[in-house]
C-alpha cells in the first residue's frame, strides 16, 4: 500500500456460505471504520465483488488504481482465520472460494489492462456450508485485517 495514489480494496465471497462471506464483511467493516475516522479516504475505493469479481473489471479500469488489494476465503490447510499473502505464481494451487472464473484470470487481466500493483490476501475459512454466519476465528481476522488497512491509509 506504500505510496498509493488510488487504491481499490476488493472483497470477494458469498455471504450465504458461512466464512466465504468474509470478503464482503471486510468491505463493510472498513467502510464503517472510515466513516468514523479522520483519515483522508478520498482515493480509497471499497468494492464488494460478491461471487463474480470479473463483473467489476470495467469499474476498476475506470478508477484506474495504482494498487489493488483482493481479499477472499482461501483453503490452505491452516488454522481458521489464518492469513496468507498469495503469490501470483502460486495462485492456481490454492482453493479460492466460490467463483465463476479462476481468480488468476482476473489478476492477469487487471495487471495487463490497468497496470496496478495487486496484493491477494487469503483467509482460511472454518465453515463454508450454506449458513449466513461467519465463525469467530474469521471474524477476528476480518477485524485485524480491517484495522491494519485503516492504519495504512
N, C-alpha and C. Protein backbone atom coordinates (compact mmCIF):
# COMPACT_ATOMS: atom_id res chain seq x y z
N UNK A 1 0.82 -1.20 0.00
CA UNK A 1 0.00 0.00 0.00
C UNK A 1 0.85 1.26 0.00
N UNK A 2 2.14 1.07 0.23
CA UNK A 2 3.01 2.23 0.34
C UNK A 2 2.97 3.06 -0.94
N UNK A 3 2.82 4.36 -0.76
CA UNK A 3 2.84 5.33 -1.86
C UNK A 3 1.71 5.14 -2.87
N UNK A 4 0.57 4.64 -2.43
CA UNK A 4 -0.54 4.51 -3.38
C UNK A 4 -1.07 5.90 -3.71
N UNK A 5 -1.61 6.02 -4.92
CA UNK A 5 -2.31 7.23 -5.32
C UNK A 5 -3.82 6.98 -5.27
N UNK A 6 -4.23 5.84 -5.78
CA UNK A 6 -5.61 5.38 -5.69
C UNK A 6 -5.54 3.89 -5.36
N UNK A 7 -6.37 3.47 -4.43
CA UNK A 7 -6.35 2.07 -4.05
C UNK A 7 -7.78 1.52 -4.05
N UNK A 8 -7.92 0.33 -4.61
CA UNK A 8 -9.18 -0.39 -4.56
C UNK A 8 -9.00 -1.59 -3.64
N UNK A 9 -9.91 -1.74 -2.70
CA UNK A 9 -9.93 -2.91 -1.83
C UNK A 9 -11.16 -3.71 -2.22
N UNK A 10 -10.91 -4.92 -2.72
CA UNK A 10 -11.98 -5.76 -3.24
C UNK A 10 -12.19 -6.96 -2.32
N UNK A 11 -13.40 -7.09 -1.82
CA UNK A 11 -13.77 -8.25 -1.02
C UNK A 11 -14.59 -9.20 -1.87
N UNK A 12 -14.20 -10.46 -1.88
CA UNK A 12 -14.87 -11.47 -2.70
C UNK A 12 -15.50 -12.51 -1.78
N UNK A 13 -16.69 -12.98 -2.13
CA UNK A 13 -17.29 -14.07 -1.37
C UNK A 13 -18.80 -14.09 -1.40
N UNK A 14 -19.32 -15.20 -0.94
CA UNK A 14 -20.75 -15.44 -0.90
C UNK A 14 -21.23 -15.35 0.54
N UNK A 15 -22.02 -14.36 0.86
CA UNK A 15 -22.46 -14.12 2.23
C UNK A 15 -23.41 -15.20 2.75
N UNK A 16 -23.88 -16.06 1.89
CA UNK A 16 -24.77 -17.15 2.32
C UNK A 16 -24.02 -18.44 2.61
N UNK A 17 -22.69 -18.42 2.45
CA UNK A 17 -21.90 -19.63 2.64
C UNK A 17 -20.89 -19.47 3.78
N UNK A 18 -21.39 -19.11 4.94
CA UNK A 18 -20.54 -19.04 6.12
C UNK A 18 -19.34 -18.14 5.94
N UNK A 19 -18.16 -18.68 6.22
CA UNK A 19 -16.92 -17.91 6.18
C UNK A 19 -16.56 -17.40 4.78
N UNK A 20 -17.19 -17.93 3.76
CA UNK A 20 -16.95 -17.41 2.42
C UNK A 20 -17.37 -15.95 2.31
N UNK A 21 -18.22 -15.50 3.21
CA UNK A 21 -18.68 -14.11 3.21
C UNK A 21 -17.70 -13.13 3.82
N UNK A 22 -16.49 -13.58 4.13
CA UNK A 22 -15.52 -12.70 4.79
C UNK A 22 -15.11 -11.51 3.93
N UNK A 23 -15.02 -11.67 2.63
CA UNK A 23 -14.62 -10.55 1.76
C UNK A 23 -15.61 -9.40 1.82
N UNK A 24 -16.91 -9.67 1.57
CA UNK A 24 -17.89 -8.59 1.70
C UNK A 24 -17.96 -8.01 3.12
N UNK A 25 -17.79 -8.86 4.13
CA UNK A 25 -17.80 -8.36 5.50
C UNK A 25 -16.62 -7.42 5.75
N UNK A 26 -15.46 -7.73 5.20
CA UNK A 26 -14.29 -6.87 5.34
C UNK A 26 -14.58 -5.49 4.75
N UNK A 27 -15.21 -5.46 3.59
CA UNK A 27 -15.53 -4.19 2.94
C UNK A 27 -16.46 -3.37 3.83
N UNK A 28 -17.50 -4.01 4.38
CA UNK A 28 -18.43 -3.31 5.27
C UNK A 28 -17.70 -2.80 6.52
N UNK A 29 -16.80 -3.60 7.07
CA UNK A 29 -16.07 -3.22 8.28
C UNK A 29 -15.16 -2.03 8.02
N UNK A 30 -14.44 -2.05 6.90
CA UNK A 30 -13.56 -0.93 6.55
C UNK A 30 -14.40 0.33 6.34
N UNK A 31 -15.52 0.19 5.65
CA UNK A 31 -16.41 1.34 5.41
C UNK A 31 -16.83 1.99 6.73
N UNK A 32 -17.29 1.18 7.66
CA UNK A 32 -17.73 1.70 8.97
C UNK A 32 -16.58 2.39 9.70
N UNK A 33 -15.40 1.82 9.63
CA UNK A 33 -14.25 2.42 10.31
C UNK A 33 -13.84 3.74 9.65
N UNK A 34 -13.91 3.80 8.33
CA UNK A 34 -13.53 5.03 7.63
C UNK A 34 -14.52 6.16 7.91
N UNK A 35 -15.80 5.83 8.00
CA UNK A 35 -16.82 6.85 8.30
C UNK A 35 -16.54 7.50 9.65
N UNK A 36 -16.08 6.71 10.58
CA UNK A 36 -15.86 7.19 11.94
C UNK A 36 -14.43 7.63 12.21
N UNK A 37 -13.64 7.81 11.18
CA UNK A 37 -12.25 8.22 11.38
C UNK A 37 -11.99 9.58 10.75
N UNK A 38 -10.83 10.10 11.02
CA UNK A 38 -10.43 11.37 10.42
C UNK A 38 -9.48 11.14 9.25
N UNK A 39 -9.32 9.89 8.85
CA UNK A 39 -8.42 9.56 7.75
C UNK A 39 -8.95 10.15 6.44
N UNK A 40 -8.03 10.57 5.58
CA UNK A 40 -8.42 11.03 4.25
C UNK A 40 -8.57 9.79 3.38
N UNK A 41 -9.79 9.47 3.05
CA UNK A 41 -10.06 8.26 2.27
C UNK A 41 -10.57 8.60 0.87
N UNK A 42 -10.26 9.80 0.38
CA UNK A 42 -10.76 10.22 -0.93
C UNK A 42 -10.30 9.31 -2.06
N UNK A 43 -9.14 8.73 -1.95
CA UNK A 43 -8.62 7.88 -3.02
C UNK A 43 -8.64 6.40 -2.63
N UNK A 44 -9.53 6.04 -1.70
CA UNK A 44 -9.72 4.66 -1.29
C UNK A 44 -11.09 4.22 -1.79
N UNK A 45 -11.12 3.17 -2.58
CA UNK A 45 -12.36 2.67 -3.16
C UNK A 45 -12.62 1.27 -2.62
N UNK A 46 -13.80 1.09 -2.05
CA UNK A 46 -14.18 -0.21 -1.49
C UNK A 46 -15.14 -0.89 -2.44
N UNK A 47 -14.88 -2.15 -2.73
CA UNK A 47 -15.66 -2.87 -3.73
C UNK A 47 -16.06 -4.24 -3.21
N UNK A 48 -17.35 -4.43 -3.02
CA UNK A 48 -17.89 -5.74 -2.67
C UNK A 48 -18.16 -6.45 -3.99
N UNK A 49 -17.28 -7.36 -4.36
CA UNK A 49 -17.39 -8.04 -5.64
C UNK A 49 -18.24 -9.31 -5.55
N UNK A 50 -18.68 -9.65 -4.35
CA UNK A 50 -19.53 -10.83 -4.12
C UNK A 50 -18.90 -12.06 -4.78
N UNK A 51 -19.67 -12.82 -5.56
CA UNK A 51 -19.16 -14.06 -6.14
C UNK A 51 -18.72 -13.92 -7.59
N UNK A 52 -18.78 -12.72 -8.13
CA UNK A 52 -18.39 -12.54 -9.53
C UNK A 52 -17.49 -11.31 -9.69
N UNK A 53 -16.25 -11.39 -9.18
CA UNK A 53 -15.36 -10.23 -9.27
C UNK A 53 -15.06 -9.80 -10.70
N UNK A 54 -15.15 -10.74 -11.63
CA UNK A 54 -14.88 -10.40 -13.03
C UNK A 54 -15.91 -9.41 -13.58
N UNK A 55 -17.07 -9.29 -12.94
CA UNK A 55 -18.08 -8.33 -13.38
C UNK A 55 -17.72 -6.89 -13.02
N UNK A 56 -16.65 -6.69 -12.29
CA UNK A 56 -16.27 -5.35 -11.83
C UNK A 56 -15.01 -4.81 -12.51
N UNK A 57 -14.57 -5.46 -13.58
CA UNK A 57 -13.34 -5.02 -14.24
C UNK A 57 -13.48 -3.65 -14.89
N UNK A 58 -14.65 -3.34 -15.44
CA UNK A 58 -14.86 -2.02 -16.05
C UNK A 58 -14.75 -0.94 -14.98
N UNK A 59 -15.39 -1.18 -13.86
CA UNK A 59 -15.35 -0.24 -12.74
C UNK A 59 -13.91 -0.01 -12.26
N UNK A 60 -13.15 -1.08 -12.15
CA UNK A 60 -11.76 -0.96 -11.70
C UNK A 60 -10.94 -0.21 -12.73
N UNK A 61 -11.14 -0.50 -14.00
CA UNK A 61 -10.41 0.22 -15.05
C UNK A 61 -10.75 1.71 -15.02
N UNK A 62 -12.03 2.05 -14.76
CA UNK A 62 -12.42 3.47 -14.70
C UNK A 62 -11.77 4.18 -13.52
N UNK A 63 -11.67 3.51 -12.39
CA UNK A 63 -10.98 4.09 -11.22
C UNK A 63 -9.50 4.25 -11.51
N UNK A 64 -8.93 3.28 -12.25
CA UNK A 64 -7.51 3.29 -12.62
C UNK A 64 -6.61 3.38 -11.38
N UNK A 65 -6.73 2.40 -10.48
CA UNK A 65 -5.94 2.46 -9.24
C UNK A 65 -4.48 2.16 -9.48
N UNK A 66 -3.65 2.65 -8.57
CA UNK A 66 -2.24 2.27 -8.58
C UNK A 66 -2.04 0.96 -7.82
N UNK A 67 -2.97 0.67 -6.90
CA UNK A 67 -2.89 -0.52 -6.07
C UNK A 67 -4.27 -1.18 -5.94
N UNK A 68 -4.27 -2.50 -5.86
CA UNK A 68 -5.50 -3.27 -5.67
C UNK A 68 -5.22 -4.35 -4.64
N UNK A 69 -6.07 -4.41 -3.62
CA UNK A 69 -5.98 -5.49 -2.64
C UNK A 69 -7.21 -6.36 -2.82
N UNK A 70 -6.99 -7.64 -3.02
CA UNK A 70 -8.07 -8.61 -3.16
C UNK A 70 -8.07 -9.48 -1.91
N UNK A 71 -9.24 -9.62 -1.29
CA UNK A 71 -9.36 -10.45 -0.08
C UNK A 71 -10.46 -11.47 -0.31
N UNK A 72 -10.13 -12.74 0.00
CA UNK A 72 -11.06 -13.83 -0.24
C UNK A 72 -10.78 -14.96 0.73
N UNK A 73 -11.74 -15.84 0.87
CA UNK A 73 -11.53 -17.07 1.63
C UNK A 73 -10.69 -18.01 0.78
N UNK A 74 -9.66 -18.58 1.39
CA UNK A 74 -8.76 -19.48 0.65
C UNK A 74 -8.45 -20.68 1.54
N UNK A 75 -8.62 -21.87 0.99
CA UNK A 75 -8.28 -23.10 1.71
C UNK A 75 -6.78 -23.35 1.57
N UNK A 76 -6.05 -23.31 2.70
CA UNK A 76 -4.62 -23.60 2.64
C UNK A 76 -4.15 -24.41 3.85
N UNK A 77 -5.06 -25.16 4.44
CA UNK A 77 -4.75 -26.13 5.50
C UNK A 77 -4.03 -25.54 6.70
N UNK A 78 -4.50 -24.42 7.18
CA UNK A 78 -4.00 -23.81 8.41
C UNK A 78 -5.18 -23.61 9.35
N UNK A 79 -4.93 -23.07 10.51
CA UNK A 79 -6.00 -22.80 11.46
C UNK A 79 -6.97 -21.78 10.87
N UNK A 80 -8.25 -21.94 11.19
CA UNK A 80 -9.26 -20.99 10.73
C UNK A 80 -8.88 -19.58 11.15
N UNK A 81 -9.00 -18.64 10.22
CA UNK A 81 -8.64 -17.25 10.48
C UNK A 81 -7.22 -16.90 10.12
N UNK A 82 -6.39 -17.87 9.77
CA UNK A 82 -5.00 -17.58 9.38
C UNK A 82 -4.98 -16.79 8.08
N UNK A 83 -3.99 -15.90 7.97
CA UNK A 83 -3.81 -15.09 6.77
C UNK A 83 -2.76 -15.71 5.87
N UNK A 84 -2.88 -15.44 4.59
CA UNK A 84 -1.87 -15.85 3.61
C UNK A 84 -1.81 -14.80 2.51
N UNK A 85 -0.62 -14.29 2.25
CA UNK A 85 -0.44 -13.45 1.06
C UNK A 85 -0.14 -14.42 -0.07
N UNK A 86 -1.00 -14.41 -1.06
CA UNK A 86 -0.92 -15.40 -2.13
C UNK A 86 -0.04 -14.87 -3.26
N UNK A 87 1.05 -15.55 -3.50
CA UNK A 87 1.97 -15.21 -4.57
C UNK A 87 1.30 -15.50 -5.92
N UNK A 88 1.50 -14.60 -6.85
CA UNK A 88 0.85 -14.74 -8.17
C UNK A 88 1.19 -16.08 -8.84
N UNK A 89 2.41 -16.54 -8.70
CA UNK A 89 2.82 -17.78 -9.35
C UNK A 89 2.16 -19.01 -8.71
N UNK A 90 1.69 -18.87 -7.48
CA UNK A 90 1.09 -20.00 -6.78
C UNK A 90 -0.43 -19.92 -6.70
N UNK A 91 -1.01 -18.91 -7.29
CA UNK A 91 -2.43 -18.64 -7.07
C UNK A 91 -3.33 -19.79 -7.50
N UNK A 92 -2.97 -20.50 -8.55
CA UNK A 92 -3.82 -21.59 -9.02
C UNK A 92 -3.67 -22.86 -8.19
N UNK A 93 -2.72 -22.88 -7.25
CA UNK A 93 -2.56 -24.07 -6.42
C UNK A 93 -3.45 -24.03 -5.18
N UNK A 94 -4.09 -22.87 -4.93
CA UNK A 94 -4.96 -22.74 -3.76
C UNK A 94 -6.42 -22.83 -4.17
N UNK A 95 -7.23 -23.27 -3.24
CA UNK A 95 -8.66 -23.37 -3.46
C UNK A 95 -9.33 -22.11 -2.95
N UNK A 96 -9.60 -21.18 -3.87
CA UNK A 96 -10.29 -19.95 -3.51
C UNK A 96 -11.76 -20.25 -3.37
N UNK A 97 -12.48 -19.33 -2.74
CA UNK A 97 -13.91 -19.53 -2.53
C UNK A 97 -14.64 -19.59 -3.86
N UNK A 98 -15.93 -19.74 -3.79
CA UNK A 98 -16.75 -19.98 -4.98
C UNK A 98 -16.72 -18.80 -5.95
N UNK A 99 -16.29 -19.08 -7.17
CA UNK A 99 -16.26 -18.06 -8.21
C UNK A 99 -16.68 -18.69 -9.53
N UNK A 100 -17.10 -17.81 -10.44
CA UNK A 100 -17.45 -18.29 -11.76
C UNK A 100 -16.21 -18.42 -12.65
N UNK A 101 -15.13 -17.77 -12.27
CA UNK A 101 -13.89 -17.79 -13.06
C UNK A 101 -12.69 -17.86 -12.11
N UNK A 102 -11.63 -18.55 -12.50
CA UNK A 102 -10.44 -18.60 -11.63
C UNK A 102 -9.91 -17.19 -11.35
N UNK A 103 -9.51 -16.95 -10.12
CA UNK A 103 -9.03 -15.64 -9.70
C UNK A 103 -7.77 -15.23 -10.47
N UNK A 104 -6.99 -16.20 -10.92
CA UNK A 104 -5.77 -15.88 -11.67
C UNK A 104 -6.10 -15.16 -12.99
N UNK A 105 -7.21 -15.51 -13.64
CA UNK A 105 -7.61 -14.82 -14.86
C UNK A 105 -7.87 -13.35 -14.58
N UNK A 106 -8.57 -13.09 -13.49
CA UNK A 106 -8.88 -11.71 -13.11
C UNK A 106 -7.60 -10.92 -12.84
N UNK A 107 -6.70 -11.50 -12.08
CA UNK A 107 -5.45 -10.82 -11.73
C UNK A 107 -4.63 -10.53 -12.98
N UNK A 108 -4.48 -11.51 -13.85
CA UNK A 108 -3.72 -11.30 -15.08
C UNK A 108 -4.35 -10.21 -15.95
N UNK A 109 -5.66 -10.24 -16.06
CA UNK A 109 -6.36 -9.24 -16.87
C UNK A 109 -6.15 -7.83 -16.29
N UNK A 110 -6.32 -7.69 -14.98
CA UNK A 110 -6.17 -6.36 -14.37
C UNK A 110 -4.72 -5.87 -14.43
N UNK A 111 -3.77 -6.75 -14.25
CA UNK A 111 -2.37 -6.34 -14.39
C UNK A 111 -2.10 -5.82 -15.80
N UNK A 112 -2.63 -6.52 -16.79
CA UNK A 112 -2.40 -6.12 -18.19
C UNK A 112 -3.17 -4.85 -18.56
N UNK A 113 -4.43 -4.73 -18.12
CA UNK A 113 -5.26 -3.61 -18.57
C UNK A 113 -5.13 -2.36 -17.71
N UNK A 114 -4.82 -2.52 -16.43
CA UNK A 114 -4.73 -1.36 -15.54
C UNK A 114 -3.28 -1.07 -15.16
N UNK A 115 -2.49 -2.12 -14.98
CA UNK A 115 -1.09 -1.95 -14.62
C UNK A 115 -0.88 -1.63 -13.15
N UNK A 116 -1.84 -1.93 -12.32
CA UNK A 116 -1.71 -1.63 -10.89
C UNK A 116 -0.98 -2.76 -10.16
N UNK A 117 -0.48 -2.42 -8.98
CA UNK A 117 0.11 -3.43 -8.11
C UNK A 117 -1.02 -4.17 -7.43
N UNK A 118 -0.94 -5.50 -7.42
CA UNK A 118 -2.02 -6.31 -6.86
C UNK A 118 -1.49 -7.17 -5.72
N UNK A 119 -2.18 -7.11 -4.60
CA UNK A 119 -1.89 -7.93 -3.44
C UNK A 119 -3.12 -8.78 -3.18
N UNK A 120 -2.93 -10.09 -3.13
CA UNK A 120 -4.04 -11.00 -2.87
C UNK A 120 -3.84 -11.61 -1.49
N UNK A 121 -4.86 -11.44 -0.63
CA UNK A 121 -4.81 -11.95 0.73
C UNK A 121 -5.90 -12.99 0.89
N UNK A 122 -5.50 -14.16 1.37
CA UNK A 122 -6.46 -15.22 1.66
C UNK A 122 -6.60 -15.40 3.15
N UNK A 123 -7.81 -15.71 3.59
CA UNK A 123 -8.06 -16.04 4.98
C UNK A 123 -8.64 -17.45 5.01
N UNK A 124 -8.05 -18.29 5.84
CA UNK A 124 -8.50 -19.69 5.96
C UNK A 124 -9.90 -19.73 6.59
N UNK A 125 -10.88 -20.26 5.87
CA UNK A 125 -12.22 -20.39 6.44
C UNK A 125 -12.31 -21.57 7.39
N UNK A 126 -13.31 -21.54 8.25
CA UNK A 126 -13.60 -22.66 9.13
C UNK A 126 -14.78 -23.46 8.59
N UNK A 127 -15.80 -22.74 8.14
CA UNK A 127 -17.04 -23.38 7.72
C UNK A 127 -17.65 -22.62 6.54
N UNK A 128 -17.81 -23.30 5.42
CA UNK A 128 -18.40 -22.65 4.24
C UNK A 128 -19.68 -23.36 3.81
N UNK A 129 -20.37 -23.93 4.80
CA UNK A 129 -21.67 -24.53 4.49
C UNK A 129 -22.67 -23.42 4.18
N UNK A 130 -23.83 -23.81 3.76
CA UNK A 130 -24.89 -22.88 3.40
C UNK A 130 -25.55 -22.32 4.67
N UNK A 131 -24.82 -21.43 5.33
CA UNK A 131 -25.30 -20.71 6.51
C UNK A 131 -24.81 -19.27 6.38
N UNK A 132 -25.49 -18.35 6.99
CA UNK A 132 -25.04 -16.96 6.87
C UNK A 132 -24.39 -16.46 8.15
N UNK A 133 -23.59 -17.33 8.77
CA UNK A 133 -22.87 -16.99 10.00
C UNK A 133 -21.37 -17.17 9.75
N UNK A 134 -20.61 -16.16 10.12
CA UNK A 134 -19.15 -16.23 10.00
C UNK A 134 -18.58 -16.65 11.34
N UNK A 135 -17.63 -17.58 11.31
CA UNK A 135 -17.04 -18.11 12.54
C UNK A 135 -16.30 -17.03 13.32
N UNK A 136 -16.17 -17.25 14.63
CA UNK A 136 -15.46 -16.30 15.49
C UNK A 136 -14.03 -16.10 15.05
N UNK A 137 -13.36 -17.17 14.64
CA UNK A 137 -11.95 -17.09 14.21
C UNK A 137 -11.81 -16.16 13.01
N UNK A 138 -12.71 -16.30 12.05
CA UNK A 138 -12.64 -15.48 10.85
C UNK A 138 -13.08 -14.04 11.15
N UNK A 139 -14.04 -13.87 12.04
CA UNK A 139 -14.44 -12.52 12.46
C UNK A 139 -13.25 -11.77 13.06
N UNK A 140 -12.47 -12.44 13.89
CA UNK A 140 -11.27 -11.83 14.47
C UNK A 140 -10.29 -11.40 13.39
N UNK A 141 -10.12 -12.27 12.39
CA UNK A 141 -9.19 -11.96 11.31
C UNK A 141 -9.67 -10.78 10.47
N UNK A 142 -10.96 -10.72 10.20
CA UNK A 142 -11.52 -9.60 9.45
C UNK A 142 -11.29 -8.31 10.23
N UNK A 143 -11.50 -8.34 11.52
CA UNK A 143 -11.28 -7.15 12.35
C UNK A 143 -9.81 -6.74 12.31
N UNK A 144 -8.91 -7.70 12.46
CA UNK A 144 -7.48 -7.40 12.45
C UNK A 144 -7.03 -6.85 11.11
N UNK A 145 -7.47 -7.47 10.03
CA UNK A 145 -7.07 -7.01 8.70
C UNK A 145 -7.65 -5.63 8.40
N UNK A 146 -8.91 -5.40 8.76
CA UNK A 146 -9.51 -4.08 8.52
C UNK A 146 -8.75 -3.00 9.28
N UNK A 147 -8.36 -3.29 10.51
CA UNK A 147 -7.62 -2.32 11.31
C UNK A 147 -6.24 -2.04 10.69
N UNK A 148 -5.59 -3.08 10.21
CA UNK A 148 -4.28 -2.90 9.55
C UNK A 148 -4.41 -2.04 8.31
N UNK A 149 -5.44 -2.28 7.53
CA UNK A 149 -5.64 -1.49 6.31
C UNK A 149 -5.92 -0.03 6.68
N UNK A 150 -6.80 0.21 7.64
CA UNK A 150 -7.12 1.58 8.07
C UNK A 150 -5.87 2.31 8.57
N UNK A 151 -5.05 1.65 9.32
CA UNK A 151 -3.82 2.27 9.85
C UNK A 151 -2.86 2.67 8.74
N UNK A 152 -2.94 2.00 7.59
CA UNK A 152 -2.00 2.27 6.50
C UNK A 152 -2.58 3.19 5.42
N UNK A 153 -3.77 3.69 5.65
CA UNK A 153 -4.35 4.64 4.70
C UNK A 153 -3.84 6.03 5.03
